[in-house]
């Protein structure tokens, strides 16, 4: 019984970690991606929150049943480590790591063209015009954030690159 619980706990921790790690490695910015890899990533991500929570709960139950049967300190360290992995995977199953990589500019500040001394005449900008107003978003700045939330002529927009 002890070995079966330990094996289930270890395999659950590895499965949970793999479930959230595969999409992280398959969907990377600026790297070639396949249609199949993206489809797999989205399928895994859509089920990650529920699956990692269930595996974490089962891991806690296995650890509770296993703890009194462990006489050596290293067995308890391994059980605690497996629980940490399960908890971390459950956290990642709910988190959107893309938001960590690409945090949008929520309140961009703008200069008039004449005052934009930080730019050269050859800098590429993404231009948006609406309702008599115009904005230019430097691609160099968008490359760092990828998303800008803005309002042009009273309309909220999202500029992305």
Protein backbone atom coordinates (compact mmCIF):
# COMPACT_ATOMS: atom_id res chain seq x y z
CA UNK A 1 0.00 0.00 0.00
CA UNK A 2 2.84 2.37 0.88
CA UNK A 3 4.57 1.86 -2.46
CA UNK A 4 1.35 2.26 -4.41
CA UNK A 5 0.58 5.56 -2.66
CA UNK A 6 4.13 6.81 -3.18
CA UNK A 7 4.06 5.82 -6.85
CA UNK A 8 0.67 7.47 -7.37
CA UNK A 9 1.88 10.64 -5.66
CA UNK A 10 5.05 10.79 -7.75
CA UNK A 11 3.30 10.04 -11.04
CA UNK A 12 0.56 12.56 -10.22
CA UNK A 13 3.17 15.26 -9.56
CA UNK A 14 4.99 14.50 -12.82
CA UNK A 15 1.75 14.38 -14.83
CA UNK A 16 0.51 17.64 -13.35
CA UNK A 17 3.78 19.40 -14.03
CA UNK A 18 3.92 18.04 -17.59
CA UNK A 19 0.33 19.14 -18.22
CA UNK A 20 1.20 22.79 -17.56
CA UNK A 21 4.78 22.69 -18.89
CA UNK A 22 4.00 21.40 -22.39
CA UNK A 23 2.03 24.52 -23.44
CA UNK A 24 4.73 26.77 -21.98
CA UNK A 25 7.38 25.11 -24.15
CA UNK A 26 5.23 24.76 -27.27
CA UNK A 27 3.96 28.33 -27.41
CA UNK A 28 6.95 30.62 -27.30
CA UNK A 29 7.15 34.10 -28.76
CA UNK A 30 9.39 34.59 -31.78
CA UNK A 31 9.78 30.83 -32.32
CA UNK A 32 8.24 28.83 -35.15
CA UNK A 33 5.11 26.99 -34.09
CA UNK A 34 3.08 24.27 -35.72
CA UNK A 35 -0.68 24.18 -35.99
CA UNK A 36 -0.69 20.84 -34.21
CA UNK A 37 1.47 22.16 -31.35
CA UNK A 38 -0.77 25.18 -30.84
CA UNK A 39 -3.91 23.01 -30.90
CA UNK A 40 -2.37 20.67 -28.32
CA UNK A 41 -1.32 23.60 -26.15
CA UNK A 42 -4.78 25.13 -26.13
CA UNK A 43 -6.39 21.77 -25.41
CA UNK A 44 -4.08 21.25 -22.42
CA UNK A 45 -4.52 24.83 -21.17
CA UNK A 46 -8.32 24.62 -21.35
CA UNK A 47 -8.33 21.65 -18.95
CA UNK A 48 -5.33 22.59 -16.79
CA UNK A 49 -7.19 24.37 -13.97
CA UNK A 50 -9.52 21.45 -13.24
CA UNK A 51 -7.01 18.67 -13.79
CA UNK A 52 -4.24 20.20 -11.66
CA UNK A 53 -6.70 20.94 -8.85
CA UNK A 54 -7.95 17.35 -8.84
CA UNK A 55 -4.39 16.01 -8.90
CA UNK A 56 -3.41 18.34 -6.07
CA UNK A 57 -6.38 17.18 -3.94
CA UNK A 58 -5.57 13.53 -4.65
CA UNK A 59 -1.92 14.24 -3.82
CA UNK A 60 -2.86 15.75 -0.47
CA UNK A 61 -5.01 12.71 0.31
CA UNK A 62 -2.16 10.36 -0.65
CA UNK A 63 0.31 12.38 1.44
CA UNK A 64 -1.98 12.26 4.48
CA UNK A 65 -2.33 8.49 4.13
CA UNK A 66 1.38 8.04 3.46
CA UNK A 67 2.86 10.35 6.13
CA UNK A 68 2.47 8.10 9.20
CA UNK A 69 3.89 5.15 7.24
CA UNK A 70 7.14 6.99 6.52
CA UNK A 71 9.80 6.29 9.11
CA UNK A 72 12.71 8.04 7.39
CA UNK A 73 13.17 11.77 6.93
CA UNK A 74 13.99 11.53 3.23
CA UNK A 75 10.64 9.87 2.51
CA UNK A 76 8.85 12.80 4.10
CA UNK A 77 11.01 15.23 2.15
CA UNK A 78 10.03 13.46 -1.08
CA UNK A 79 6.34 13.59 -0.15
CA UNK A 80 6.60 17.29 0.71
CA UNK A 81 8.45 17.91 -2.57
CA UNK A 82 5.74 16.12 -4.54
CA UNK A 83 3.12 18.29 -2.82
CA UNK A 84 5.10 21.42 -3.70
CA UNK A 85 5.24 20.32 -7.34
CA UNK A 86 1.50 19.61 -7.33
CA UNK A 87 0.76 22.99 -5.73
CA UNK A 88 3.01 24.80 -8.21
CA UNK A 89 1.35 23.03 -11.14
CA UNK A 90 -2.10 23.91 -9.75
CA UNK A 91 -1.00 27.55 -9.56
CA UNK A 92 0.35 27.49 -13.14
CA UNK A 93 -2.86 25.80 -14.29
CA UNK A 94 -4.74 28.97 -13.38
CA UNK A 95 -2.10 31.54 -14.27
CA UNK A 96 -1.60 33.00 -17.72
CA UNK A 97 2.15 33.05 -18.15
CA UNK A 98 1.77 35.06 -21.37
CA UNK A 99 0.61 38.01 -19.26
CA UNK A 100 3.87 37.78 -17.33
CA UNK A 101 5.89 37.90 -20.54
CA UNK A 102 3.83 40.58 -22.26
CA UNK A 103 2.30 43.01 -19.84
CA UNK A 104 0.26 45.61 -21.70
CA UNK A 105 0.91 49.32 -21.46
CA UNK A 106 -2.29 50.36 -19.68
CA UNK A 107 -1.67 54.12 -19.63
CA UNK A 108 0.57 55.10 -22.51
CA UNK A 109 1.96 58.60 -22.68
CA UNK A 110 2.36 60.42 -25.98
CA UNK A 111 4.56 63.17 -27.34
CA UNK A 112 3.93 65.39 -30.30
CA UNK A 113 5.98 64.32 -33.30
CA UNK A 114 8.26 67.36 -32.96
CA UNK A 115 8.95 66.56 -29.28
CA UNK A 116 9.69 62.86 -29.83
CA UNK A 117 13.46 63.27 -29.62
CA UNK A 118 13.87 59.66 -28.47
CA UNK A 119 12.93 58.46 -31.96
CA UNK A 120 14.70 58.72 -35.27
CA UNK A 121 13.17 59.42 -38.65
CA UNK A 122 13.60 55.76 -39.61
CA UNK A 123 11.79 54.25 -36.60
CA UNK A 124 8.79 52.16 -37.60
CA UNK A 125 5.47 53.01 -35.95
CA UNK A 126 2.07 51.35 -35.91
CA UNK A 127 -0.35 54.18 -36.73
CA UNK A 128 -4.02 54.30 -35.77
CA UNK A 129 -6.43 57.08 -36.74
CA UNK A 130 -10.05 57.41 -35.69
CA UNK A 131 -12.48 60.29 -35.27
CA UNK A 132 -9.94 62.95 -36.18
CA UNK A 133 -7.35 61.70 -33.68
CA UNK A 134 -4.22 59.75 -34.50
CA UNK A 135 -1.63 57.85 -32.52
CA UNK A 136 1.69 56.32 -33.46
CA UNK A 137 2.97 53.39 -31.43
CA UNK A 138 6.68 52.75 -31.93
CA UNK A 139 7.25 49.14 -32.91
CA UNK A 140 10.38 49.15 -30.74
CA UNK A 141 8.18 49.82 -27.67
CA UNK A 142 5.49 47.38 -28.81
CA UNK A 143 8.12 44.67 -29.15
CA UNK A 144 8.62 44.87 -25.38
CA UNK A 145 4.95 44.85 -24.39
CA UNK A 146 3.10 43.58 -27.49
CA UNK A 147 -0.14 45.19 -26.29
CA UNK A 148 -1.19 48.81 -25.68
CA UNK A 149 -4.57 49.68 -24.21
CA UNK A 150 -5.56 53.17 -25.34
CA UNK A 151 -8.52 55.43 -26.09
CA UNK A 152 -8.77 57.25 -29.40
CA UNK A 153 -11.64 59.68 -29.99
CA UNK A 154 -13.44 58.30 -26.95
CA UNK A 155 -13.24 54.69 -28.19
CA UNK A 156 -11.12 52.12 -26.33
CA UNK A 157 -8.70 50.28 -28.58
CA UNK A 158 -6.04 47.61 -28.24
CA UNK A 159 -2.97 47.98 -30.43
CA UNK A 160 -0.83 44.89 -30.71
CA UNK A 161 2.30 43.82 -32.55
